[in-house]
Amino acid sequence: MPDFFIVGHHKSGTTALYEMLRRHPQIYMPDLKEPRYFASDLRPPVDSPASARIPRTLEEYLALFAPATAGQRVGEASPSYLRSRVAAREIAELQPAARCVAILREPASFVRSLHLQLVQEHVETETDLAEAVAGEEIVRDGRQIRRYSDHIHYVEQLRRYEDAFPSGQLLVLIYDDFRRENVETVRRVLRFLDVDDDATVESIEANPTVSVRSMRLDGIVRALYGEHGAPSRAVKGAVRALSTERLRRRAMGTLRRRVAYREPDAPDERLMGQLRERYRPEVVALSEHLGRDLLALWGYDRAG
């Protein structure tokens, strides 16, 4: 079983932290960044493309960590674990000594970044953020959920881990600190994991926020590399014959960045202000819970 878990949140630096930690000689993390094994309530449907790489049995899950060498700390990163209602309890049942790391981001910028990501993944079809948030209520697996706002129950999410684990086994980071003091924040995580924090730490920029230039063009690129659709069996077969899955995904990412993505527009400050007003009560609660003035840090002292 893993010794530690990066439990979330999405769009809050979890990929960068994963990439930086897995370069440490005393740490092993698998190539599959998001096993999502313990978030059984949030797994994609079995027949979806995303489900193909997710382990379904404990044996499949543990096999991810088989290459770890003696003495290495073993970990994984699944951002959905923080939002999941069952992950904290299920992790604790199988690994009560686990150490968990959560990263929290200012809600309005989080929602904007998540929206751009979901458009990029063709999960969200509404490209206008205001319209997407206004129509965020959807039905999934027979349940009514809010695609964006359901992520922002920070205190409730942290309490699930605080209830499941003894004191000292949960480290809560703030995204702003991770961005501003990247290397020192990672060293703090290394100390939390009881590994050498004097090792060389390389700052890494991972999974940057982008805007999709053309949904149609992006769809063609994804289909070419086997993500969905079938523009040409011959072309698709040739791509598969010439590369491994990992190389295909890397090539697809490069092509998408060049032809289908662009830098996102500056945020609409009026809309961002409305989002801050909406999520201000959660920031107040989180500030009290962590004993830190996040209202001032995130500009919520001027919202509402």
Protein backbone atom coordinates (compact mmCIF):
# COMPACT_ATOMS: atom_id res chain seq x y z
CA MET A 1 0.00 0.00 0.00
CA PRO A 2 1.16 3.57 -0.63
CA ASP A 3 2.63 5.47 2.31
CA PHE A 4 1.21 8.80 1.19
CA PHE A 5 -1.48 10.33 -1.01
CA ILE A 6 -1.80 13.68 -2.77
CA VAL A 7 -5.56 13.94 -2.40
CA GLY A 8 -6.33 17.15 -4.30
CA HIS A 9 -7.66 19.60 -5.33
CA HIS A 10 -7.83 19.67 -9.12
CA LYS A 11 -6.15 22.66 -10.85
CA SER A 12 -4.25 23.44 -7.67
CA GLY A 13 -0.72 22.27 -8.40
CA THR A 14 -1.16 18.56 -7.74
CA THR A 15 0.44 17.57 -11.07
CA ALA A 16 3.48 19.78 -10.46
CA LEU A 17 3.84 18.41 -6.92
CA TYR A 18 3.56 14.84 -8.22
CA GLU A 19 6.24 15.48 -10.85
CA MET A 20 8.59 17.09 -8.33
CA LEU A 21 8.18 14.41 -5.68
CA ARG A 22 8.61 11.46 -8.03
CA ARG A 23 12.07 12.73 -8.98
CA HIS A 24 13.25 12.29 -5.38
CA PRO A 25 15.39 9.13 -5.02
CA GLN A 26 13.62 8.11 -1.79
CA ILE A 27 10.15 8.33 -3.34
CA TYR A 28 8.33 6.11 -5.82
CA MET A 29 5.17 7.25 -7.60
CA PRO A 30 3.75 5.33 -10.60
CA ASP A 31 3.52 6.68 -14.14
CA LEU A 32 -0.27 6.66 -13.82
CA LYS A 33 -0.79 9.93 -12.00
CA GLU A 34 -4.45 9.48 -11.05
CA PRO A 35 -5.36 5.88 -10.14
CA ARG A 36 -8.55 7.15 -8.42
CA TYR A 37 -8.97 3.70 -6.89
CA PHE A 38 -10.41 4.92 -3.59
CA ALA A 39 -12.85 7.44 -5.12
CA SER A 40 -15.35 4.74 -6.02
CA ASP A 41 -18.20 7.27 -5.89
CA LEU A 42 -16.55 9.41 -8.60
CA ARG A 43 -15.20 6.84 -11.03
CA PRO A 44 -16.06 7.33 -14.71
CA PRO A 45 -18.39 4.80 -16.35
CA VAL A 46 -16.74 1.45 -17.14
CA ASP A 47 -17.18 1.96 -20.89
CA SER A 48 -15.65 5.46 -20.99
CA PRO A 49 -12.15 6.05 -22.46
CA ALA A 50 -10.92 7.43 -19.13
CA SER A 51 -11.86 4.23 -17.29
CA ALA A 52 -9.49 2.02 -19.30
CA ARG A 53 -6.44 3.04 -17.27
CA ILE A 54 -8.09 3.02 -13.83
CA PRO A 55 -7.43 -0.08 -11.68
CA ARG A 56 -10.65 -1.80 -10.68
CA THR A 57 -9.33 -4.38 -8.21
CA LEU A 58 -6.98 -4.08 -5.26
CA GLU A 59 -4.57 -6.43 -7.04
CA GLU A 60 -4.48 -4.15 -10.10
CA TYR A 61 -4.02 -1.12 -7.87
CA LEU A 62 -1.14 -2.58 -5.85
CA ALA A 63 0.59 -3.69 -9.05
CA LEU A 64 1.16 0.00 -9.83
CA PHE A 65 3.64 0.16 -6.96
CA ALA A 66 5.48 -3.12 -7.59
CA PRO A 67 8.56 -1.39 -9.13
CA ALA A 68 9.27 0.52 -5.88
CA THR A 69 12.57 -0.43 -4.28
CA ALA A 70 13.18 -1.26 -0.61
CA GLY A 71 13.28 1.85 1.55
CA GLN A 72 11.38 4.11 -0.84
CA ARG A 73 8.32 6.02 0.27
CA VAL A 74 5.48 5.02 -2.04
CA GLY A 75 2.76 7.46 -3.02
CA GLU A 76 0.13 8.42 -5.57
CA ALA A 77 -1.81 11.51 -6.61
CA SER A 78 -5.56 11.46 -7.26
CA PRO A 79 -7.14 14.93 -6.96
CA SER A 80 -10.64 13.44 -6.85
CA TYR A 81 -9.92 11.94 -3.40
CA LEU A 82 -10.57 15.27 -1.67
CA ARG A 83 -13.99 15.71 -3.26
CA SER A 84 -14.92 12.04 -2.82
CA ARG A 85 -17.20 11.26 0.10
CA VAL A 86 -15.70 7.79 0.60
CA ALA A 87 -11.98 8.05 -0.25
CA ALA A 88 -10.72 9.23 3.15
CA ARG A 89 -12.48 6.38 4.97
CA GLU A 90 -11.44 3.75 2.41
CA ILE A 91 -7.80 4.85 2.46
CA ALA A 92 -7.76 4.79 6.26
CA GLU A 93 -9.21 1.29 6.36
CA LEU A 94 -6.39 -0.13 4.23
CA GLN A 95 -3.56 2.20 5.26
CA PRO A 96 -4.25 3.85 8.64
CA ALA A 97 -0.70 5.24 8.77
CA ALA A 98 -1.06 7.08 5.45
CA ARG A 99 -0.05 10.71 5.20
CA CYS A 100 -2.23 12.89 3.02
CA VAL A 101 -1.49 16.19 1.27
CA ALA A 102 -4.24 18.59 0.19
CA ILE A 103 -3.77 21.79 -1.82
CA LEU A 104 -6.50 24.44 -1.78
CA ARG A 105 -6.93 27.28 -4.26
CA GLU A 106 -8.90 30.52 -4.21
CA PRO A 107 -12.40 29.46 -5.34
CA ALA A 108 -13.06 31.93 -8.19
CA SER A 109 -9.73 31.28 -9.94
CA PHE A 110 -10.20 27.56 -9.29
CA VAL A 111 -13.61 27.56 -11.00
CA ARG A 112 -12.23 29.50 -13.98
CA SER A 113 -9.29 27.11 -14.36
CA LEU A 114 -11.49 24.03 -13.95
CA HIS A 115 -13.89 25.32 -16.58
CA LEU A 116 -11.06 25.77 -19.08
CA GLN A 117 -9.82 22.26 -18.29
CA LEU A 118 -13.26 20.67 -18.75
CA VAL A 119 -13.69 22.46 -22.08
CA GLN A 120 -10.27 21.18 -23.09
CA GLU A 121 -11.35 17.63 -22.17
CA HIS A 122 -14.66 18.04 -24.07
CA VAL A 123 -16.57 17.40 -20.84
CA GLU A 124 -17.98 20.94 -20.82
CA THR A 125 -19.56 22.17 -24.05
CA GLU A 126 -20.37 25.70 -22.83
CA THR A 127 -17.28 27.84 -23.50
CA ASP A 128 -18.60 30.93 -21.71
CA LEU A 129 -17.72 30.70 -18.01
CA ALA A 130 -20.70 32.71 -16.76
CA GLU A 131 -23.13 30.52 -18.71
CA ALA A 132 -21.34 27.35 -17.63
CA VAL A 133 -21.57 28.23 -13.93
CA ALA A 134 -25.19 29.36 -14.29
CA GLY A 135 -26.03 25.97 -15.83
CA GLU A 136 -23.74 23.87 -13.66
CA GLU A 137 -26.47 21.65 -12.21
CA ILE A 138 -26.38 18.32 -13.99
CA VAL A 139 -27.55 14.78 -13.29
CA ARG A 140 -24.84 12.14 -12.95
CA ASP A 141 -25.51 8.54 -12.00
CA GLY A 142 -29.03 9.55 -10.99
CA ARG A 143 -27.79 12.31 -8.62
CA GLN A 144 -28.15 16.05 -9.00
CA ILE A 145 -24.72 17.65 -8.74
CA ARG A 146 -23.13 21.05 -9.36
CA ARG A 147 -20.22 20.64 -11.74
CA TYR A 148 -18.15 23.48 -10.22
CA SER A 149 -19.52 24.46 -6.84
CA ASP A 150 -19.49 20.91 -5.45
CA HIS A 151 -15.69 21.10 -5.42
CA ILE A 152 -15.77 24.07 -3.06
CA HIS A 153 -16.75 22.53 0.26
CA TYR A 154 -13.23 22.84 1.58
CA VAL A 155 -13.91 22.55 5.31
CA GLU A 156 -16.26 19.59 4.89
CA GLN A 157 -13.68 17.86 2.70
CA LEU A 158 -10.82 18.44 5.15
CA ARG A 159 -12.93 17.20 8.07
CA ARG A 160 -13.42 13.85 6.35
CA TYR A 161 -9.64 13.34 6.50
CA GLU A 162 -9.31 14.77 9.99
CA ASP A 163 -11.98 12.33 11.18
CA ALA A 164 -10.39 9.36 9.39
CA PHE A 165 -6.76 9.88 10.44
CA PRO A 166 -4.91 10.77 13.64
CA SER A 167 -3.67 14.33 14.08
CA GLY A 168 -0.53 15.10 12.11
CA GLN A 169 -1.25 12.88 9.12
CA LEU A 170 -2.87 15.60 6.98
CA LEU A 171 -0.86 18.46 5.48
CA VAL A 172 -2.90 21.33 4.03
CA LEU A 173 -1.14 23.61 1.55
CA ILE A 174 -2.36 26.83 -0.01
CA TYR A 175 -1.87 27.09 -3.78
CA ASP A 176 -0.54 30.66 -3.53
CA ASP A 177 2.31 29.48 -1.27
CA PHE A 178 3.09 26.62 -3.63
CA ARG A 179 3.31 29.01 -6.58
CA ARG A 180 5.24 31.74 -4.78
CA GLU A 181 7.61 29.58 -2.71
CA ASN A 182 7.61 26.47 -4.87
CA VAL A 183 10.85 24.77 -3.81
CA GLU A 184 10.49 25.57 -0.10
CA THR A 185 6.89 24.29 -0.10
CA VAL A 186 8.04 21.01 -1.67
CA ARG A 187 10.77 20.74 0.99
CA ARG A 188 8.04 21.13 3.58
CA VAL A 189 6.23 18.19 1.98
CA LEU A 190 9.44 16.14 2.00
CA ARG A 191 9.85 16.76 5.74
CA PHE A 192 6.21 15.76 6.25
CA LEU A 193 6.96 12.48 4.43
CA ASP A 194 10.14 11.88 6.47
CA VAL A 195 12.51 11.83 3.50
CA ASP A 196 15.66 13.84 2.86
CA ASP A 197 14.64 17.46 2.30
CA ASP A 198 18.21 18.46 1.32
CA ALA A 199 17.93 16.64 -2.00
CA THR A 200 17.95 18.73 -5.17
CA VAL A 201 14.45 20.00 -5.93
CA GLU A 202 13.68 21.16 -9.45
CA SER A 203 10.80 23.58 -9.90
CA ILE A 204 8.36 22.25 -12.51
CA GLU A 205 5.51 23.90 -14.39
CA ALA A 206 2.91 21.24 -15.17
CA ASN A 207 -0.55 21.14 -16.74
CA PRO A 208 -0.77 24.88 -17.55
CA THR A 209 -4.18 26.45 -18.07
CA VAL A 210 -5.01 26.94 -21.75
CA SER A 211 -8.00 27.97 -23.83
CA VAL A 212 -9.27 25.82 -26.69
CA ARG A 213 -8.97 27.73 -29.96
CA SER A 214 -11.38 25.44 -31.82
CA MET A 215 -13.42 22.58 -30.35
CA ARG A 216 -13.77 21.05 -33.83
CA LEU A 217 -10.02 21.16 -34.54
CA ASP A 218 -9.21 19.79 -31.10
CA GLY A 219 -11.69 16.98 -31.69
CA ILE A 220 -9.94 16.05 -34.94
CA VAL A 221 -6.57 15.85 -33.17
CA ARG A 222 -8.00 13.70 -30.39
CA ALA A 223 -9.65 11.38 -32.89
CA LEU A 224 -6.42 11.04 -34.86
CA TYR A 225 -4.65 9.75 -31.75
CA GLY A 226 -7.45 7.43 -30.75
CA GLU A 227 -9.10 9.48 -28.02
CA HIS A 228 -12.52 9.39 -29.66
CA GLY A 229 -14.12 9.22 -33.07
CA ALA A 230 -12.69 7.60 -36.20
CA PRO A 231 -11.65 10.09 -38.91
CA SER A 232 -9.65 7.45 -40.74
CA ARG A 233 -8.97 3.87 -39.73
CA ALA A 234 -5.88 3.79 -41.90
CA VAL A 235 -4.40 6.95 -40.40
CA LYS A 236 -5.37 5.94 -36.90
CA GLY A 237 -3.84 2.50 -37.41
CA ALA A 238 -0.60 4.00 -38.71
CA VAL A 239 -0.31 6.25 -35.66
CA ARG A 240 -0.82 3.28 -33.35
CA ALA A 241 1.71 1.13 -35.22
CA LEU A 242 4.43 3.74 -34.94
CA SER A 243 4.22 4.51 -31.23
CA THR A 244 3.49 3.26 -27.75
CA GLU A 245 0.48 4.63 -25.90
CA ARG A 246 2.69 6.94 -23.85
CA LEU A 247 4.40 8.35 -26.95
CA ARG A 248 1.04 8.77 -28.69
CA ARG A 249 -0.34 10.75 -25.77
CA ARG A 250 2.77 12.92 -25.64
CA ALA A 251 2.59 13.56 -29.40
CA MET A 252 -1.12 14.35 -29.17
CA GLY A 253 -0.43 16.84 -26.37
CA THR A 254 2.25 18.58 -28.41
CA LEU A 255 0.02 18.84 -31.49
CA ARG A 256 -2.95 20.09 -29.46
CA ARG A 257 -0.81 22.81 -27.87
CA ARG A 258 0.42 23.96 -31.26
CA VAL A 259 -2.77 23.97 -33.31
CA ALA A 260 -5.79 23.78 -31.00
CA TYR A 261 -4.82 25.77 -27.88
CA ARG A 262 -4.02 29.38 -27.12
CA GLU A 263 -3.37 31.51 -24.08
CA PRO A 264 -6.65 32.14 -22.22
CA ASP A 265 -8.18 35.59 -22.25
CA ALA A 266 -7.82 37.75 -19.15
CA PRO A 267 -10.50 36.93 -16.59
CA ASP A 268 -13.68 38.98 -16.55
CA GLU A 269 -13.16 40.86 -13.28
CA ARG A 270 -16.88 41.61 -12.88
CA LEU A 271 -17.67 37.90 -13.11
CA MET A 272 -14.76 36.99 -10.83
CA GLY A 273 -16.12 39.45 -8.27
CA GLN A 274 -19.54 37.79 -8.46
CA LEU A 275 -17.95 34.39 -7.93
CA ARG A 276 -16.06 35.68 -4.89
CA GLU A 277 -19.29 36.99 -3.40
CA ARG A 278 -20.86 33.58 -4.01
CA TYR A 279 -18.05 31.61 -2.38
CA ARG A 280 -17.17 34.06 0.40
CA PRO A 281 -18.90 32.04 3.18
CA GLU A 282 -16.69 29.04 2.37
CA VAL A 283 -13.56 31.19 2.54
CA VAL A 284 -14.67 32.60 5.89
CA ALA A 285 -15.18 29.06 7.22
CA LEU A 286 -11.84 27.87 5.83
CA SER A 287 -9.98 30.84 7.34
CA GLU A 288 -11.41 29.97 10.75
CA HIS A 289 -10.69 26.27 10.28
CA LEU A 290 -7.05 26.77 9.34
CA GLY A 291 -6.43 29.78 11.55
CA ARG A 292 -5.21 31.84 8.59
CA ASP A 293 -6.59 35.03 7.05
CA LEU A 294 -7.44 33.76 3.60
CA LEU A 295 -9.98 36.56 3.18
CA ALA A 296 -7.15 39.09 2.87
CA LEU A 297 -4.85 36.75 0.92
CA TRP A 298 -7.52 36.00 -1.69
CA GLY A 299 -9.17 39.44 -1.78
CA TYR A 300 -12.40 38.27 -0.18
CA ASP A 301 -12.23 41.01 2.44
CA ARG A 302 -13.49 43.26 -0.37
CA ALA A 303 -16.16 40.84 -1.64
CA GLY A 304 -19.78 40.93 -0.56
